[in-house]
Amino acid sequence: MSAVATRILRNFVDGEHRDATSDESTPLINPATGEEFARAPVSSAADVDAALKAAQRAFGGWRDTTPKDRSMALLRIADAFEQRAEEFVAFQMASVLMGLAVGLTALVTHFGGPKLGVFLLLILPFAGFGGPALWLRRRVSTRRDTVTNDLPDVLDLMTISVAAGLGLEQAMQVTCAHFESPVCDELALTLREMELGLSRHDALENLKLRTDIDDLVTFSVVLSQADMLGLPIGRVLQAQGDEMRDKRRQRARERAAKVPIKILFPLMFCFLPAIMILILGPLIGPISHALK
C-alpha cells in the first residue's frame, strides 16, 4: 500500500486525467489507521464547468437514444467477444489441417519409415486440435486463480476509497487506476456497461455470469443485495474483503499440506535410487571379490 499512500489524485475529465486549476488538495484518511493514503484535488467552479461540458458532449446523443439502440450497442460489444472466439476455432482447425498435412507428407515421402509416417498422421491432427484447447484451458485456469488471489486486495482498496467519501462507481474507478489485475479489467467492463445505460444490478449480474468465479459471484450477489436493501457499502466491502482474505489463507494452507504428498513419488523414483547407488555402489566390489 506504499504506492497508494503517496498517490496524488487528479480529476478525470473528458476521458483523461487533468490537474485542477488550483494547487490546493485535501488529504484522504484511512479510517482504520488514521494515516493519509492519498491526496485529492480541491476543484474550483471552472473544473466543475469543464466536467459538466464534457459530460454534455459525451452523453448528448446517448441521452436521446432509445432502449433498443442501447441494447444494440451492448450486442455489438458481445459480437466483438464472439469474433475472438471464432478466431480461436479457426486457428484450431488450421492446426489440425497442418498436422494432417505434415503426417501425410511424412507418410508419402517415407520419412523415417512407414511406421513413423502412420504415427505422425494419427498423432499430429490430435495434437493440433488439443494443443490450442489445452493452452486456452491453462490460460483460463491461470486467470481464475489470479482473480481469486487479487480480489481481497482489490476489495481493501475499494473499502478505503468508500470510507474516504467516494461512491461505489468512483471507488471502482480509483481501484482500476491503481491496480493491474484481471479483477480490475472485469470491474472496468462493469463500469463501461453502467455508462452505456445498464443499472448497477444488471451490470453486477453480467459480471457474475461473465466470470463464473465463486468469489467474484459472491461479491456480485452481496453487492447487489446491499444496494437493494440500502446497506452501507463500506461495511459490506470490508466484510467481503475479510472473508476473501480468510479463504485465500485457507487455500494457501491446503496447498502447503499437499506438498509432502506431491514430492513423495519424485523422491522415491528419482532421488532414492541415486542415494542407494551412492551408498551401496562402493560395497559391490568388495562383496563380489569376497564371494569369489
Protein backbone atom coordinates (compact mmCIF):
# COMPACT_ATOMS: atom_id res chain seq x y z
CA MET A 1 0.00 0.00 0.00
CA SER A 2 3.01 2.28 -0.05
CA ALA A 3 2.34 3.32 -3.65
CA VAL A 4 -1.19 4.33 -2.72
CA ALA A 5 0.00 6.29 0.35
CA THR A 6 1.92 8.78 -1.78
CA ARG A 7 -0.60 8.93 -4.60
CA ILE A 8 -1.84 12.36 -5.68
CA LEU A 9 -5.19 12.01 -7.42
CA ARG A 10 -6.20 14.02 -10.47
CA ASN A 11 -9.56 14.90 -11.96
CA PHE A 12 -10.83 12.59 -14.72
CA VAL A 13 -12.49 14.80 -17.31
CA ASP A 14 -13.34 14.08 -20.95
CA GLY A 15 -11.60 10.70 -20.96
CA GLU A 16 -8.28 11.87 -19.49
CA HIS A 17 -6.71 12.79 -16.16
CA ARG A 18 -6.27 16.53 -15.63
CA ASP A 19 -4.80 18.72 -12.92
CA ALA A 20 -7.17 21.01 -11.08
CA THR A 21 -6.96 24.73 -11.76
CA SER A 22 -5.95 25.34 -8.16
CA ASP A 23 -2.95 23.85 -6.38
CA GLU A 24 -4.93 23.05 -3.25
CA SER A 25 -5.56 19.45 -2.21
CA THR A 26 -7.25 17.66 0.65
CA PRO A 27 -5.91 14.54 2.40
CA LEU A 28 -7.73 11.22 2.22
CA ILE A 29 -7.51 9.43 5.57
CA ASN A 30 -7.71 5.71 6.15
CA PRO A 31 -10.27 5.43 8.98
CA ALA A 32 -8.77 2.15 10.17
CA THR A 33 -5.28 3.54 10.79
CA GLY A 34 -5.76 7.30 10.73
CA GLU A 35 -2.99 7.61 8.14
CA GLU A 36 -3.10 9.62 4.96
CA PHE A 37 -3.06 7.34 1.90
CA ALA A 38 -3.69 9.87 -0.89
CA ARG A 39 -4.50 13.50 -1.63
CA ALA A 40 -7.45 14.65 -3.72
CA PRO A 41 -7.51 17.97 -5.60
CA VAL A 42 -9.82 20.76 -4.46
CA SER A 43 -11.71 21.53 -7.65
CA SER A 44 -12.93 25.01 -8.45
CA ALA A 45 -16.01 26.14 -10.31
CA ALA A 46 -14.01 26.11 -13.56
CA ASP A 47 -13.19 22.43 -13.05
CA VAL A 48 -16.84 21.61 -12.42
CA ASP A 49 -17.89 23.52 -15.54
CA ALA A 50 -15.30 21.66 -17.63
CA ALA A 51 -16.55 18.30 -16.31
CA LEU A 52 -20.16 19.30 -16.97
CA LYS A 53 -19.43 20.36 -20.54
CA ALA A 54 -17.52 17.12 -21.18
CA ALA A 55 -20.44 15.10 -19.82
CA GLN A 56 -22.88 17.01 -22.02
CA ARG A 57 -20.75 16.35 -25.09
CA ALA A 58 -20.37 12.66 -24.23
CA PHE A 59 -23.97 11.92 -23.38
CA GLY A 60 -25.80 14.39 -25.54
CA GLY A 61 -26.52 11.84 -28.23
CA TRP A 62 -26.64 8.88 -25.89
CA ARG A 63 -29.33 10.51 -23.75
CA ASP A 64 -31.68 10.70 -26.72
CA THR A 65 -31.21 7.10 -27.85
CA THR A 66 -33.95 4.55 -27.31
CA PRO A 67 -33.55 1.43 -25.15
CA LYS A 68 -33.40 -0.57 -28.38
CA ASP A 69 -30.39 1.42 -29.61
CA ARG A 70 -28.64 0.96 -26.27
CA SER A 71 -29.28 -2.79 -26.42
CA MET A 72 -27.84 -2.87 -29.94
CA ALA A 73 -24.69 -1.15 -28.65
CA LEU A 74 -24.29 -3.82 -25.97
CA LEU A 75 -24.88 -6.54 -28.56
CA ARG A 76 -22.11 -5.11 -30.73
CA ILE A 77 -19.75 -5.41 -27.76
CA ALA A 78 -20.83 -9.04 -27.36
CA ASP A 79 -20.23 -9.64 -31.08
CA ALA A 80 -16.65 -8.45 -30.63
CA PHE A 81 -16.11 -11.14 -27.98
CA GLU A 82 -17.70 -13.81 -30.18
CA GLN A 83 -15.45 -12.78 -33.07
CA ARG A 84 -12.38 -13.59 -30.98
CA ALA A 85 -13.90 -16.99 -30.19
CA GLU A 86 -14.34 -17.65 -33.92
CA GLU A 87 -10.70 -16.70 -34.49
CA PHE A 88 -9.61 -19.26 -31.91
CA VAL A 89 -11.70 -22.01 -33.53
CA ALA A 90 -10.26 -21.09 -36.94
CA PHE A 91 -6.73 -21.34 -35.53
CA GLN A 92 -7.60 -24.70 -34.01
CA MET A 93 -8.89 -26.05 -37.33
CA ALA A 94 -5.81 -24.69 -39.12
CA SER A 95 -3.60 -26.55 -36.62
CA VAL A 96 -5.48 -29.79 -37.31
CA LEU A 97 -5.10 -29.36 -41.07
CA MET A 98 -1.41 -28.53 -40.72
CA GLY A 99 -0.82 -31.62 -38.60
CA LEU A 100 -2.71 -33.73 -41.14
CA ALA A 101 -0.64 -32.28 -43.98
CA VAL A 102 2.64 -32.93 -42.18
CA GLY A 103 1.58 -36.50 -41.38
CA LEU A 104 0.57 -37.20 -45.00
CA THR A 105 3.82 -35.71 -46.27
CA ALA A 106 5.86 -37.91 -43.94
CA LEU A 107 3.86 -40.97 -45.00
CA VAL A 108 4.15 -40.29 -48.74
CA THR A 109 7.85 -39.40 -48.66
CA HIS A 110 8.63 -42.37 -46.35
CA PHE A 111 10.31 -40.01 -43.89
CA GLY A 112 11.63 -42.19 -41.06
CA GLY A 113 9.86 -45.24 -42.41
CA PRO A 114 6.17 -46.08 -42.86
CA LYS A 115 5.58 -46.66 -39.13
CA LEU A 116 6.73 -43.15 -38.27
CA GLY A 117 4.57 -41.73 -41.08
CA VAL A 118 1.46 -43.50 -39.78
CA PHE A 119 2.29 -42.42 -36.23
CA LEU A 120 2.62 -38.76 -37.27
CA LEU A 121 -0.57 -38.98 -39.34
CA LEU A 122 -2.50 -40.16 -36.29
CA ILE A 123 -0.87 -38.02 -33.61
CA LEU A 124 -0.32 -34.61 -35.23
CA PRO A 125 -4.02 -33.86 -36.02
CA PHE A 126 -4.98 -34.71 -32.44
CA ALA A 127 -2.12 -32.55 -31.17
CA GLY A 128 -3.25 -29.70 -33.42
CA PHE A 129 -6.77 -29.95 -32.05
CA GLY A 130 -5.92 -30.50 -28.39
CA GLY A 131 -2.89 -28.21 -28.13
CA PRO A 132 -4.74 -24.88 -28.51
CA ALA A 133 -7.56 -26.13 -26.27
CA LEU A 134 -5.05 -27.16 -23.61
CA TRP A 135 -3.31 -23.77 -23.88
CA LEU A 136 -6.65 -21.96 -23.56
CA ARG A 137 -7.68 -24.09 -20.59
CA ARG A 138 -4.37 -23.27 -18.92
CA ARG A 139 -4.85 -19.55 -19.54
CA VAL A 140 -8.38 -19.71 -18.13
CA SER A 141 -7.17 -21.54 -15.02
CA THR A 142 -4.36 -19.02 -14.51
CA ARG A 143 -6.74 -16.09 -14.91
CA ARG A 144 -9.25 -17.59 -12.47
CA ASP A 145 -6.51 -18.14 -9.88
CA THR A 146 -5.25 -14.57 -10.37
CA VAL A 147 -8.76 -13.16 -9.93
CA THR A 148 -9.31 -15.22 -6.78
CA ASN A 149 -5.97 -14.19 -5.24
CA ASP A 150 -6.19 -10.48 -6.15
CA LEU A 151 -9.82 -9.96 -5.13
CA PRO A 152 -9.10 -9.37 -1.38
CA ASP A 153 -6.55 -6.64 -2.18
CA VAL A 154 -8.95 -5.01 -4.63
CA LEU A 155 -11.72 -5.06 -2.03
CA ASP A 156 -9.39 -3.47 0.54
CA LEU A 157 -8.63 -0.59 -1.80
CA MET A 158 -12.32 -0.16 -2.63
CA THR A 159 -13.13 -0.15 1.11
CA ILE A 160 -10.58 2.60 1.76
CA SER A 161 -11.92 4.65 -1.15
CA VAL A 162 -15.53 4.32 0.01
CA ALA A 163 -14.51 5.19 3.58
CA ALA A 164 -12.84 8.33 2.20
CA GLY A 165 -16.19 9.52 0.84
CA LEU A 166 -16.25 8.15 -2.70
CA GLY A 167 -19.22 6.34 -4.19
CA LEU A 168 -19.10 2.77 -5.37
CA GLU A 169 -18.50 3.63 -9.03
CA GLN A 170 -15.82 6.17 -8.14
CA ALA A 171 -14.17 3.63 -5.83
CA MET A 172 -14.12 1.12 -8.67
CA GLN A 173 -12.51 3.72 -10.94
CA VAL A 174 -9.82 4.52 -8.37
CA THR A 175 -9.14 0.81 -7.86
CA CYS A 176 -8.83 0.19 -11.60
CA ALA A 177 -6.41 3.12 -11.88
CA HIS A 178 -4.16 1.84 -9.07
CA PHE A 179 -4.30 -1.90 -9.62
CA GLU A 180 -3.35 -4.03 -12.61
CA SER A 181 -5.26 -7.28 -12.39
CA PRO A 182 -7.91 -9.25 -14.29
CA VAL A 183 -10.26 -8.25 -11.48
CA CYS A 184 -9.84 -4.61 -12.44
CA ASP A 185 -10.41 -5.50 -16.10
CA GLU A 186 -13.77 -7.02 -15.17
CA LEU A 187 -14.65 -4.05 -12.95
CA ALA A 188 -13.75 -1.65 -15.76
CA LEU A 189 -16.06 -3.55 -18.11
CA THR A 190 -18.81 -3.37 -15.49
CA LEU A 191 -18.33 0.39 -15.24
CA ARG A 192 -18.50 0.64 -19.02
CA GLU A 193 -21.83 -1.20 -19.02
CA MET A 194 -23.16 1.25 -16.42
CA GLU A 195 -22.08 4.13 -18.64
CA LEU A 196 -23.98 2.54 -21.52
CA GLY A 197 -27.20 2.68 -19.51
CA LEU A 198 -27.38 -0.55 -17.53
CA SER A 199 -28.42 -0.36 -13.91
CA ARG A 200 -25.99 -1.30 -11.19
CA HIS A 201 -27.89 -4.52 -10.52
CA ASP A 202 -27.85 -5.59 -14.18
CA ALA A 203 -24.15 -4.74 -14.57
CA LEU A 204 -23.26 -6.78 -11.49
CA GLU A 205 -25.43 -9.62 -12.77
CA ASN A 206 -23.49 -9.57 -16.04
CA LEU A 207 -20.25 -9.62 -14.04
CA LYS A 208 -21.43 -12.74 -12.24
CA LEU A 209 -22.48 -14.51 -15.44
CA ARG A 210 -19.40 -13.43 -17.38
CA THR A 211 -16.76 -14.60 -14.92
CA ASP A 212 -18.38 -17.60 -13.18
CA ILE A 213 -15.75 -17.47 -10.40
CA ASP A 214 -17.09 -18.38 -6.96
CA ASP A 215 -15.57 -15.47 -5.00
CA LEU A 216 -16.48 -12.92 -7.66
CA VAL A 217 -20.01 -14.34 -7.91
CA THR A 218 -20.38 -13.98 -4.14
CA PHE A 219 -19.09 -10.41 -4.34
CA SER A 220 -21.59 -9.51 -7.09
CA VAL A 221 -24.56 -11.09 -5.30
CA VAL A 222 -23.76 -9.50 -1.93
CA LEU A 223 -23.19 -6.09 -3.52
CA SER A 224 -26.49 -6.29 -5.42
CA GLN A 225 -28.38 -7.24 -2.27
CA ALA A 226 -26.71 -4.48 -0.26
CA ASP A 227 -27.68 -1.98 -2.96
CA MET A 228 -31.31 -3.12 -2.96
CA LEU A 229 -31.57 -3.18 0.85
CA GLY A 230 -29.75 0.12 1.36
CA LEU A 231 -26.94 -1.32 3.47
CA PRO A 232 -23.69 0.66 3.94
CA ILE A 233 -21.43 -0.25 1.03
CA GLY A 234 -18.27 0.36 3.04
CA ARG A 235 -19.17 -2.21 5.69
CA VAL A 236 -20.20 -4.72 3.05
CA LEU A 237 -16.91 -4.30 1.20
CA GLN A 238 -14.91 -4.63 4.41
CA ALA A 239 -16.77 -7.81 5.40
CA GLN A 240 -16.27 -9.27 1.93
CA GLY A 241 -12.57 -8.39 1.99
CA ASP A 242 -12.08 -10.12 5.34
CA GLU A 243 -13.95 -13.20 4.13
CA MET A 244 -11.99 -13.40 0.85
CA ARG A 245 -8.71 -12.98 2.72
CA ASP A 246 -9.62 -15.86 5.05
CA LYS A 247 -10.43 -18.04 2.04
CA ARG A 248 -7.12 -17.16 0.41
CA ARG A 249 -5.29 -18.09 3.62
CA GLN A 250 -7.15 -21.40 3.79
CA ARG A 251 -6.28 -22.19 0.17
CA ALA A 252 -2.61 -21.48 0.87
CA ARG A 253 -2.66 -23.81 3.88
CA GLU A 254 -4.38 -26.51 1.84
CA ARG A 255 -1.76 -26.29 -0.89
CA ALA A 256 1.04 -26.38 1.69
CA ALA A 257 -0.48 -29.52 3.22
CA LYS A 258 -0.44 -31.25 -0.19
CA VAL A 259 3.27 -30.59 -0.82
CA PRO A 260 4.61 -33.62 1.15
CA ILE A 261 2.34 -35.96 -0.79
CA LYS A 262 3.27 -34.45 -4.14
CA ILE A 263 7.02 -34.74 -3.55
CA LEU A 264 6.77 -38.31 -2.25
CA PHE A 265 6.87 -40.02 -5.66
CA PRO A 266 9.69 -37.84 -7.10
CA LEU A 267 11.73 -38.67 -4.02
CA MET A 268 11.03 -42.40 -4.37
CA PHE A 269 11.73 -42.72 -8.09
CA CYS A 270 14.40 -40.03 -8.63
CA PHE A 271 16.38 -39.29 -5.50
CA LEU A 272 16.13 -42.58 -3.61
CA PRO A 273 17.70 -44.75 -6.37
CA ALA A 274 20.57 -42.30 -6.74
CA ILE A 275 21.17 -42.32 -2.98
CA MET A 276 21.11 -46.13 -2.91
CA ILE A 277 23.66 -46.25 -5.72
CA LEU A 278 25.95 -43.85 -3.87
CA ILE A 279 25.67 -45.84 -0.66
CA LEU A 280 25.74 -49.40 -1.98
CA GLY A 281 27.88 -48.85 -5.08
CA PRO A 282 31.25 -48.82 -3.28
CA LEU A 283 30.28 -52.03 -1.42
CA ILE A 284 29.51 -54.08 -4.52
CA GLY A 285 33.20 -54.56 -5.49
CA PRO A 286 34.45 -55.80 -2.10
CA ILE A 287 31.43 -58.04 -1.60
CA SER A 288 31.76 -59.68 -5.04
CA HIS A 289 35.53 -60.12 -4.50
CA ALA A 290 34.92 -61.73 -1.10
CA LEU A 291 32.35 -64.14 -2.55
CA LYS A 292 34.82 -65.30 -5.16
